[in-house]
Amino acid sequence: MCLGIPGQITEITNIEYKLAMVNVGGVKRQVNIACIVDEEHPPEKCIGDWVLVHVGFAMNRINEQEAAETLQLLQEIAALH
């Protein structure tokens, strides 16, 4: 099982290598966005997108509601421990 953590792309740091900064729960991390870009949605259009991040890669785009629900579930799970 793999777990993708929701984050929001805040800036593109390297277009050539498809790298972006993602805010994940207040923590900013650089991730690779190659899996979510194409001719119709180039890196420049990714700023503001919500994505699922797994091992340094943005695996797919999600909407803001899905991101909020997932973050809430993760907070509830963390509170159980």
PDB file of N, CA and C in Angstrom:
ATOM      1  N   MET A   1       0.842  -1.174   0.000  1.00  0.00           N
ATOM      2  CA  MET A   1       0.000   0.000   0.000  1.00  0.00           C
ATOM      3  C   MET A   1       0.886   1.236   0.000  1.00  0.00           C
ATOM      4  N   CYS A   2       0.513   2.221  -0.784  1.00  0.00           N
ATOM      5  CA  CYS A   2       1.249   3.477  -0.763  1.00  0.00           C
ATOM      6  C   CYS A   2       0.300   4.574  -0.305  1.00  0.00           C
ATOM      7  N   LEU A   3       0.871   5.578   0.298  1.00  0.00           N
ATOM      8  CA  LEU A   3       0.082   6.666   0.839  1.00  0.00           C
ATOM      9  C   LEU A   3       0.513   7.961   0.182  1.00  0.00           C
ATOM     10  N   GLY A   4      -0.420   8.631  -0.453  1.00  0.00           N
ATOM     11  CA  GLY A   4      -0.153   9.941  -1.023  1.00  0.00           C
ATOM     12  C   GLY A   4      -0.647  11.001  -0.063  1.00  0.00           C
ATOM     13  N   ILE A   5       0.176  11.980   0.191  1.00  0.00           N
ATOM     14  CA  ILE A   5      -0.166  13.067   1.101  1.00  0.00           C
ATOM     15  C   ILE A   5      -0.557  14.285   0.268  1.00  0.00           C
ATOM     16  N   PRO A   6      -1.712  14.900   0.548  1.00  0.00           N
ATOM     17  CA  PRO A   6      -2.125  16.079  -0.226  1.00  0.00           C
ATOM     18  C   PRO A   6      -1.226  17.281   0.040  1.00  0.00           C
ATOM     19  N   GLY A   7      -0.928  17.998  -1.013  1.00  0.00           N
ATOM     20  CA  GLY A   7      -0.167  19.227  -0.912  1.00  0.00           C
ATOM     21  C   GLY A   7      -0.554  20.159  -2.046  1.00  0.00           C
ATOM     22  N   GLN A   8      -0.248  21.438  -1.874  1.00  0.00           N
ATOM     23  CA  GLN A   8      -0.580  22.424  -2.894  1.00  0.00           C
ATOM     24  C   GLN A   8       0.700  22.995  -3.490  1.00  0.00           C
ATOM     25  N   ILE A   9       0.765  23.017  -4.808  1.00  0.00           N
ATOM     26  CA  ILE A   9       1.939  23.553  -5.499  1.00  0.00           C
ATOM     27  C   ILE A   9       1.952  25.066  -5.336  1.00  0.00           C
ATOM     28  N   THR A  10       3.063  25.589  -4.810  1.00  0.00           N
ATOM     29  CA  THR A  10       3.169  27.026  -4.557  1.00  0.00           C
ATOM     30  C   THR A  10       4.075  27.741  -5.545  1.00  0.00           C
ATOM     31  N   GLU A  11       5.027  27.015  -6.138  1.00  0.00           N
ATOM     32  CA  GLU A  11       5.902  27.627  -7.135  1.00  0.00           C
ATOM     33  C   GLU A  11       6.603  26.549  -7.956  1.00  0.00           C
ATOM     34  N   ILE A  12       7.006  26.931  -9.154  1.00  0.00           N
ATOM     35  CA  ILE A  12       7.790  26.050 -10.005  1.00  0.00           C
ATOM     36  C   ILE A  12       9.242  26.462  -9.802  1.00  0.00           C
ATOM     37  N   THR A  13      10.080  25.522  -9.387  1.00  0.00           N
ATOM     38  CA  THR A  13      11.476  25.852  -9.092  1.00  0.00           C
ATOM     39  C   THR A  13      12.416  25.541 -10.244  1.00  0.00           C
ATOM     40  N   ASN A  14      12.042  24.595 -11.111  1.00  0.00           N
ATOM     41  CA  ASN A  14      12.879  24.266 -12.263  1.00  0.00           C
ATOM     42  C   ASN A  14      12.003  23.652 -13.346  1.00  0.00           C
ATOM     43  N   ILE A  15      11.707  24.433 -14.376  1.00  0.00           N
ATOM     44  CA  ILE A  15      10.835  23.946 -15.450  1.00  0.00           C
ATOM     45  C   ILE A  15      11.490  22.803 -16.208  1.00  0.00           C
ATOM     46  N   GLU A  16      12.784  22.922 -16.491  1.00  0.00           N
ATOM     47  CA  GLU A  16      13.494  21.891 -17.269  1.00  0.00           C
ATOM     48  C   GLU A  16      13.399  20.520 -16.607  1.00  0.00           C
ATOM     49  N   TYR A  17      13.597  20.467 -15.284  1.00  0.00           N
ATOM     50  CA  TYR A  17      13.555  19.196 -14.559  1.00  0.00           C
ATOM     51  C   TYR A  17      12.198  18.906 -13.934  1.00  0.00           C
ATOM     52  N   LYS A  18      11.234  19.773 -14.206  1.00  0.00           N
ATOM     53  CA  LYS A  18       9.865  19.623 -13.705  1.00  0.00           C
ATOM     54  C   LYS A  18       9.824  19.499 -12.179  1.00  0.00           C
ATOM     55  N   LEU A  19      10.418  20.479 -11.508  1.00  0.00           N
ATOM     56  CA  LEU A  19      10.445  20.518 -10.053  1.00  0.00           C
ATOM     57  C   LEU A  19       9.610  21.680  -9.545  1.00  0.00           C
ATOM     58  N   ALA A  20       8.915  21.440  -8.442  1.00  0.00           N
ATOM     59  CA  ALA A  20       8.050  22.463  -7.859  1.00  0.00           C
ATOM     60  C   ALA A  20       8.096  22.379  -6.341  1.00  0.00           C
ATOM     61  N   MET A  21       7.750  23.491  -5.703  1.00  0.00           N
ATOM     62  CA  MET A  21       7.591  23.514  -4.250  1.00  0.00           C
ATOM     63  C   MET A  21       6.134  23.220  -3.943  1.00  0.00           C
ATOM     64  N   VAL A  22       5.936  22.322  -2.981  1.00  0.00           N
ATOM     65  CA  VAL A  22       4.598  21.938  -2.568  1.00  0.00           C
ATOM     66  C   VAL A  22       4.474  22.181  -1.074  1.00  0.00           C
ATOM     67  N   ASN A  23       3.381  22.796  -0.675  1.00  0.00           N
ATOM     68  CA  ASN A  23       3.085  23.024   0.736  1.00  0.00           C
ATOM     69  C   ASN A  23       2.257  21.838   1.226  1.00  0.00           C
ATOM     70  N   VAL A  24       2.847  21.065   2.130  1.00  0.00           N
ATOM     71  CA  VAL A  24       2.175  19.895   2.702  1.00  0.00           C
ATOM     72  C   VAL A  24       1.986  20.169   4.191  1.00  0.00           C
ATOM     73  N   GLY A  25       0.787  20.586   4.545  1.00  0.00           N
ATOM     74  CA  GLY A  25       0.497  20.855   5.953  1.00  0.00           C
ATOM     75  C   GLY A  25       1.390  21.895   6.585  1.00  0.00           C
ATOM     76  N   GLY A  26       1.766  22.920   5.823  1.00  0.00           N
ATOM     77  CA  GLY A  26       2.619  23.986   6.349  1.00  0.00           C
ATOM     78  C   GLY A  26       4.101  23.751   6.126  1.00  0.00           C
ATOM     79  N   VAL A  27       4.468  22.573   5.656  1.00  0.00           N
ATOM     80  CA  VAL A  27       5.869  22.253   5.378  1.00  0.00           C
ATOM     81  C   VAL A  27       6.068  22.285   3.861  1.00  0.00           C
ATOM     82  N   LYS A  28       7.042  23.065   3.410  1.00  0.00           N
ATOM     83  CA  LYS A  28       7.308  23.157   1.973  1.00  0.00           C
ATOM     84  C   LYS A  28       8.397  22.172   1.587  1.00  0.00           C
ATOM     85  N   ARG A  29       8.125  21.437   0.514  1.00  0.00           N
ATOM     86  CA  ARG A  29       9.064  20.447  -0.005  1.00  0.00           C
ATOM     87  C   ARG A  29       9.130  20.561  -1.511  1.00  0.00           C
ATOM     88  N   GLN A  30      10.307  20.282  -2.042  1.00  0.00           N
ATOM     89  CA  GLN A  30      10.449  20.238  -3.494  1.00  0.00           C
ATOM     90  C   GLN A  30      10.053  18.849  -3.981  1.00  0.00           C
ATOM     91  N   VAL A  31       9.226  18.796  -5.011  1.00  0.00           N
ATOM     92  CA  VAL A  31       8.782  17.526  -5.575  1.00  0.00           C
ATOM     93  C   VAL A  31       8.893  17.569  -7.090  1.00  0.00           C
ATOM     94  N   ASN A  32       8.914  16.394  -7.677  1.00  0.00           N
ATOM     95  CA  ASN A  32       8.935  16.259  -9.126  1.00  0.00           C
ATOM     96  C   ASN A  32       7.493  16.203  -9.615  1.00  0.00           C
ATOM     97  N   ILE A  33       7.155  17.026 -10.614  1.00  0.00           N
ATOM     98  CA  ILE A  33       5.784  17.086 -11.116  1.00  0.00           C
ATOM     99  C   ILE A  33       5.644  16.459 -12.506  1.00  0.00           C
ATOM    100  N   ALA A  34       6.632  15.692 -12.945  1.00  0.00           N
ATOM    101  CA  ALA A  34       6.616  15.106 -14.292  1.00  0.00           C
ATOM    102  C   ALA A  34       5.377  14.250 -14.538  1.00  0.00           C
ATOM    103  N   CYS A  35       4.857  13.609 -13.513  1.00  0.00           N
ATOM    104  CA  CYS A  35       3.693  12.724 -13.681  1.00  0.00           C
ATOM    105  C   CYS A  35       2.389  13.476 -13.918  1.00  0.00           C
ATOM    106  N   ILE A  36       2.365  14.769 -13.637  1.00  0.00           N
ATOM    107  CA  ILE A  36       1.092  15.501 -13.748  1.00  0.00           C
ATOM    108  C   ILE A  36       1.097  16.565 -14.840  1.00  0.00           C
ATOM    109  N   VAL A  37       2.197  16.678 -15.586  1.00  0.00           N
ATOM    110  CA  VAL A  37       2.241  17.696 -16.632  1.00  0.00           C
ATOM    111  C   VAL A  37       2.154  17.046 -18.013  1.00  0.00           C
ATOM    112  N   ASP A  38       1.607  17.810 -18.940  1.00  0.00           N
ATOM    113  CA  ASP A  38       1.553  17.396 -20.340  1.00  0.00           C
ATOM    114  C   ASP A  38       1.381  18.671 -21.168  1.00  0.00           C
ATOM    115  N   GLU A  39       1.143  18.527 -22.457  1.00  0.00           N
ATOM    116  CA  GLU A  39       1.018  19.705 -23.327  1.00  0.00           C
ATOM    117  C   GLU A  39      -0.159  20.579 -22.941  1.00  0.00           C
ATOM    118  N   GLU A  40      -1.244  19.974 -22.460  1.00  0.00           N
ATOM    119  CA  GLU A  40      -2.429  20.742 -22.074  1.00  0.00           C
ATOM    120  C   GLU A  40      -2.301  21.370 -20.691  1.00  0.00           C
ATOM    121  N   HIS A  41      -1.443  20.828 -19.854  1.00  0.00           N
ATOM    122  CA  HIS A  41      -1.252  21.344 -18.489  1.00  0.00           C
ATOM    123  C   HIS A  41       0.249  21.395 -18.188  1.00  0.00           C
ATOM    124  N   PRO A  42       0.951  22.403 -18.781  1.00  0.00           N
ATOM    125  CA  PRO A  42       2.402  22.520 -18.577  1.00  0.00           C
ATOM    126  C   PRO A  42       2.732  22.964 -17.148  1.00  0.00           C
ATOM    127  N   PRO A  43       4.008  22.877 -16.763  1.00  0.00           N
ATOM    128  CA  PRO A  43       4.396  23.250 -15.394  1.00  0.00           C
ATOM    129  C   PRO A  43       3.903  24.618 -14.952  1.00  0.00           C
ATOM    130  N   GLU A  44       3.929  25.598 -15.855  1.00  0.00           N
ATOM    131  CA  GLU A  44       3.531  26.963 -15.483  1.00  0.00           C
ATOM    132  C   GLU A  44       2.090  27.026 -14.993  1.00  0.00           C
ATOM    133  N   LYS A  45       1.246  26.114 -15.448  1.00  0.00           N
ATOM    134  CA  LYS A  45      -0.166  26.114 -15.053  1.00  0.00           C
ATOM    135  C   LYS A  45      -0.427  25.308 -13.786  1.00  0.00           C
ATOM    136  N   CYS A  46       0.602  24.733 -13.187  1.00  0.00           N
ATOM    137  CA  CYS A  46       0.420  23.876 -12.012  1.00  0.00           C
ATOM    138  C   CYS A  46       0.360  24.644 -10.698  1.00  0.00           C
ATOM    139  N   ILE A  47       0.781  25.895 -10.697  1.00  0.00           N
ATOM    140  CA  ILE A  47       0.774  26.664  -9.445  1.00  0.00           C
ATOM    141  C   ILE A  47      -0.660  26.767  -8.945  1.00  0.00           C
ATOM    142  N   GLY A  48      -0.852  26.381  -7.685  1.00  0.00           N
ATOM    143  CA  GLY A  48      -2.176  26.387  -7.076  1.00  0.00           C
ATOM    144  C   GLY A  48      -2.856  25.027  -7.111  1.00  0.00           C
ATOM    145  N   ASP A  49      -2.349  24.116  -7.940  1.00  0.00           N
ATOM    146  CA  ASP A  49      -2.937  22.770  -8.016  1.00  0.00           C
ATOM    147  C   ASP A  49      -2.732  22.001  -6.714  1.00  0.00           C
ATOM    148  N   TRP A  50      -3.725  21.220  -6.340  1.00  0.00           N
ATOM    149  CA  TRP A  50      -3.608  20.276  -5.236  1.00  0.00           C
ATOM    150  C   TRP A  50      -3.200  18.931  -5.829  1.00  0.00           C
ATOM    151  N   VAL A  51      -2.218  18.293  -5.205  1.00  0.00           N
ATOM    152  CA  VAL A  51      -1.693  17.030  -5.719  1.00  0.00           C
ATOM    153  C   VAL A  51      -1.503  16.036  -4.582  1.00  0.00           C
ATOM    154  N   LEU A  52      -1.434  14.765  -4.947  1.00  0.00           N
ATOM    155  CA  LEU A  52      -1.047  13.733  -3.983  1.00  0.00           C
ATOM    156  C   LEU A  52       0.439  13.487  -4.160  1.00  0.00           C
ATOM    157  N   VAL A  53       1.195  13.631  -3.077  1.00  0.00           N
ATOM    158  CA  VAL A  53       2.649  13.484  -3.108  1.00  0.00           C
ATOM    159  C   VAL A  53       3.033  12.152  -2.475  1.00  0.00           C
ATOM    160  N   HIS A  54       3.888  11.419  -3.186  1.00  0.00           N
ATOM    161  CA  HIS A  54       4.405  10.146  -2.674  1.00  0.00           C
ATOM    162  C   HIS A  54       5.876  10.056  -3.052  1.00  0.00           C
ATOM    163  N   VAL A  55       6.719   9.835  -2.080  1.00  0.00           N
ATOM    164  CA  VAL A  55       8.185   9.722  -2.211  1.00  0.00           C
ATOM    165  C   VAL A  55       8.786  10.762  -3.165  1.00  0.00           C
ATOM    166  N   GLY A  56       8.392  12.012  -2.993  1.00  0.00           N
ATOM    167  CA  GLY A  56       8.985  13.093  -3.754  1.00  0.00           C
ATOM    168  C   GLY A  56       8.390  13.349  -5.122  1.00  0.00           C
ATOM    169  N   PHE A  57       7.300  12.668  -5.446  1.00  0.00           N
ATOM    170  CA  PHE A  57       6.644  12.857  -6.733  1.00  0.00           C
ATOM    171  C   PHE A  57       5.188  13.249  -6.536  1.00  0.00           C
ATOM    172  N   ALA A  58       4.731  14.218  -7.321  1.00  0.00           N
ATOM    173  CA  ALA A  58       3.306  14.528  -7.377  1.00  0.00           C
ATOM    174  C   ALA A  58       2.702  13.488  -8.309  1.00  0.00           C
ATOM    175  N   MET A  59       1.915  12.580  -7.746  1.00  0.00           N
ATOM    176  CA  MET A  59       1.414  11.444  -8.524  1.00  0.00           C
ATOM    177  C   MET A  59       0.182  11.787  -9.366  1.00  0.00           C
ATOM    178  N   ASN A  60      -0.698  12.635  -8.837  1.00  0.00           N
ATOM    179  CA  ASN A  60      -1.858  13.076  -9.614  1.00  0.00           C
ATOM    180  C   ASN A  60      -2.487  14.297  -8.957  1.00  0.00           C
ATOM    181  N   ARG A  61      -3.241  15.028  -9.767  1.00  0.00           N
ATOM    182  CA  ARG A  61      -3.943  16.202  -9.256  1.00  0.00           C
ATOM    183  C   ARG A  61      -5.248  15.762  -8.595  1.00  0.00           C
ATOM    184  N   ILE A  62      -5.633  16.479  -7.533  1.00  0.00           N
ATOM    185  CA  ILE A  62      -6.905  16.247  -6.863  1.00  0.00           C
ATOM    186  C   ILE A  62      -7.557  17.609  -6.653  1.00  0.00           C
ATOM    187  N   ASN A  63      -8.853  17.599  -6.309  1.00  0.00           N
ATOM    188  CA  ASN A  63      -9.482  18.890  -6.050  1.00  0.00           C
ATOM    189  C   ASN A  63      -9.296  19.274  -4.577  1.00  0.00           C
ATOM    190  N   GLU A  64      -9.579  20.520  -4.282  1.00  0.00           N
ATOM    191  CA  GLU A  64      -9.341  21.048  -2.929  1.00  0.00           C
ATOM    192  C   GLU A  64     -10.163  20.317  -1.874  1.00  0.00           C
ATOM    193  N   GLN A  65     -11.395  19.922  -2.220  1.00  0.00           N
ATOM    194  CA  GLN A  65     -12.237  19.210  -1.262  1.00  0.00           C
ATOM    195  C   GLN A  65     -11.642  17.849  -0.911  1.00  0.00           C
ATOM    196  N   GLU A  66     -11.166  17.118  -1.923  1.00  0.00           N
ATOM    197  CA  GLU A  66     -10.528  15.829  -1.662  1.00  0.00           C
ATOM    198  C   GLU A  66      -9.302  16.004  -0.772  1.00  0.00           C
ATOM    199  N   ALA A  67      -8.529  17.065  -1.035  1.00  0.00           N
ATOM    200  CA  ALA A  67      -7.340  17.336  -0.233  1.00  0.00           C
ATOM    201  C   ALA A  67      -7.724  17.596   1.223  1.00  0.00           C
ATOM    202  N   ALA A  68      -8.742  18.427   1.440  1.00  0.00           N
ATOM    203  CA  ALA A  68      -9.175  18.763   2.800  1.00  0.00           C
ATOM    204  C   ALA A  68      -9.678  17.523   3.536  1.00  0.00           C
ATOM    205  N   GLU A  69     -10.447  16.684   2.848  1.00  0.00           N
ATOM    206  CA  GLU A  69     -10.968  15.468   3.480  1.00  0.00           C
ATOM    207  C   GLU A  69      -9.835  14.515   3.859  1.00  0.00           C
ATOM    208  N   THR A  70      -8.877  14.360   2.977  1.00  0.00           N
ATOM    209  CA  THR A  70      -7.749  13.464   3.250  1.00  0.00           C
ATOM    210  C   THR A  70      -6.905  13.990   4.402  1.00  0.00           C
ATOM    211  N   LEU A  71      -6.642  15.307   4.407  1.00  0.00           N
ATOM    212  CA  LEU A  71      -5.862  15.892   5.508  1.00  0.00           C
ATOM    213  C   LEU A  71      -6.586  15.720   6.844  1.00  0.00           C
ATOM    214  N   GLN A  72      -7.916  15.875   6.839  1.00  0.00           N
ATOM    215  CA  GLN A  72      -8.698  15.685   8.062  1.00  0.00           C
ATOM    216  C   GLN A  72      -8.585  14.241   8.562  1.00  0.00           C
ATOM    217  N   LEU A  73      -8.705  13.280   7.658  1.00  0.00           N
ATOM    218  CA  LEU A  73      -8.569  11.867   8.038  1.00  0.00           C
ATOM    219  C   LEU A  73      -7.190  11.576   8.607  1.00  0.00           C
ATOM    220  N   LEU A  74      -6.150  12.133   7.997  1.00  0.00           N
ATOM    221  CA  LEU A  74      -4.793  11.915   8.495  1.00  0.00           C
ATOM    222  C   LEU A  74      -4.618  12.507   9.895  1.00  0.00           C
ATOM    223  N   GLN A  75      -5.235  13.668  10.138  1.00  0.00           N
ATOM    224  CA  GLN A  75      -5.170  14.275  11.471  1.00  0.00           C
ATOM    225  C   GLN A  75      -5.894  13.412  12.505  1.00  0.00           C
ATOM    226  N   GLU A  76      -7.025  12.839  12.124  1.00  0.00           N
ATOM    227  CA  GLU A  76      -7.771  11.975  13.027  1.00  0.00           C
ATOM    228  C   GLU A  76      -6.974  10.704  13.348  1.00  0.00           C
ATOM    229  N   ILE A  77      -6.327  10.141  12.360  1.00  0.00           N
ATOM    230  CA  ILE A  77      -5.505   8.937  12.575  1.00  0.00           C
ATOM    231  C   ILE A  77      -4.344   9.277  13.506  1.00  0.00           C
ATOM    232  N   ALA A  78      -3.712  10.418  13.282  1.00  0.00           N
ATOM    233  CA  ALA A  78      -2.582  10.823  14.128  1.00  0.00           C
ATOM    234  C   ALA A  78      -3.031  11.028  15.573  1.00  0.00           C
ATOM    235  N   ALA A  79      -4.242  11.515  15.780  1.00  0.00           N
ATOM    236  CA  ALA A  79      -4.739  11.772  17.125  1.00  0.00           C
ATOM    237  C   ALA A  79      -4.983  10.485  17.899  1.00  0.00           C
ATOM    238  N   LEU A  80      -5.159   9.377  17.185  1.00  0.00           N
ATOM    239  CA  LEU A  80      -5.390   8.081  17.851  1.00  0.00           C
ATOM    240  C   LEU A  80      -4.133   7.501  18.489  1.00  0.00           C
ATOM    241  N   HIS A  81      -2.995   7.971  18.060  1.00  0.00           N
ATOM    242  CA  HIS A  81      -1.730   7.414  18.581  1.00  0.00           C
ATOM    243  C   HIS A  81      -1.197   8.180  19.722  1.00  0.00           C
TER     244      HIS A  81
END
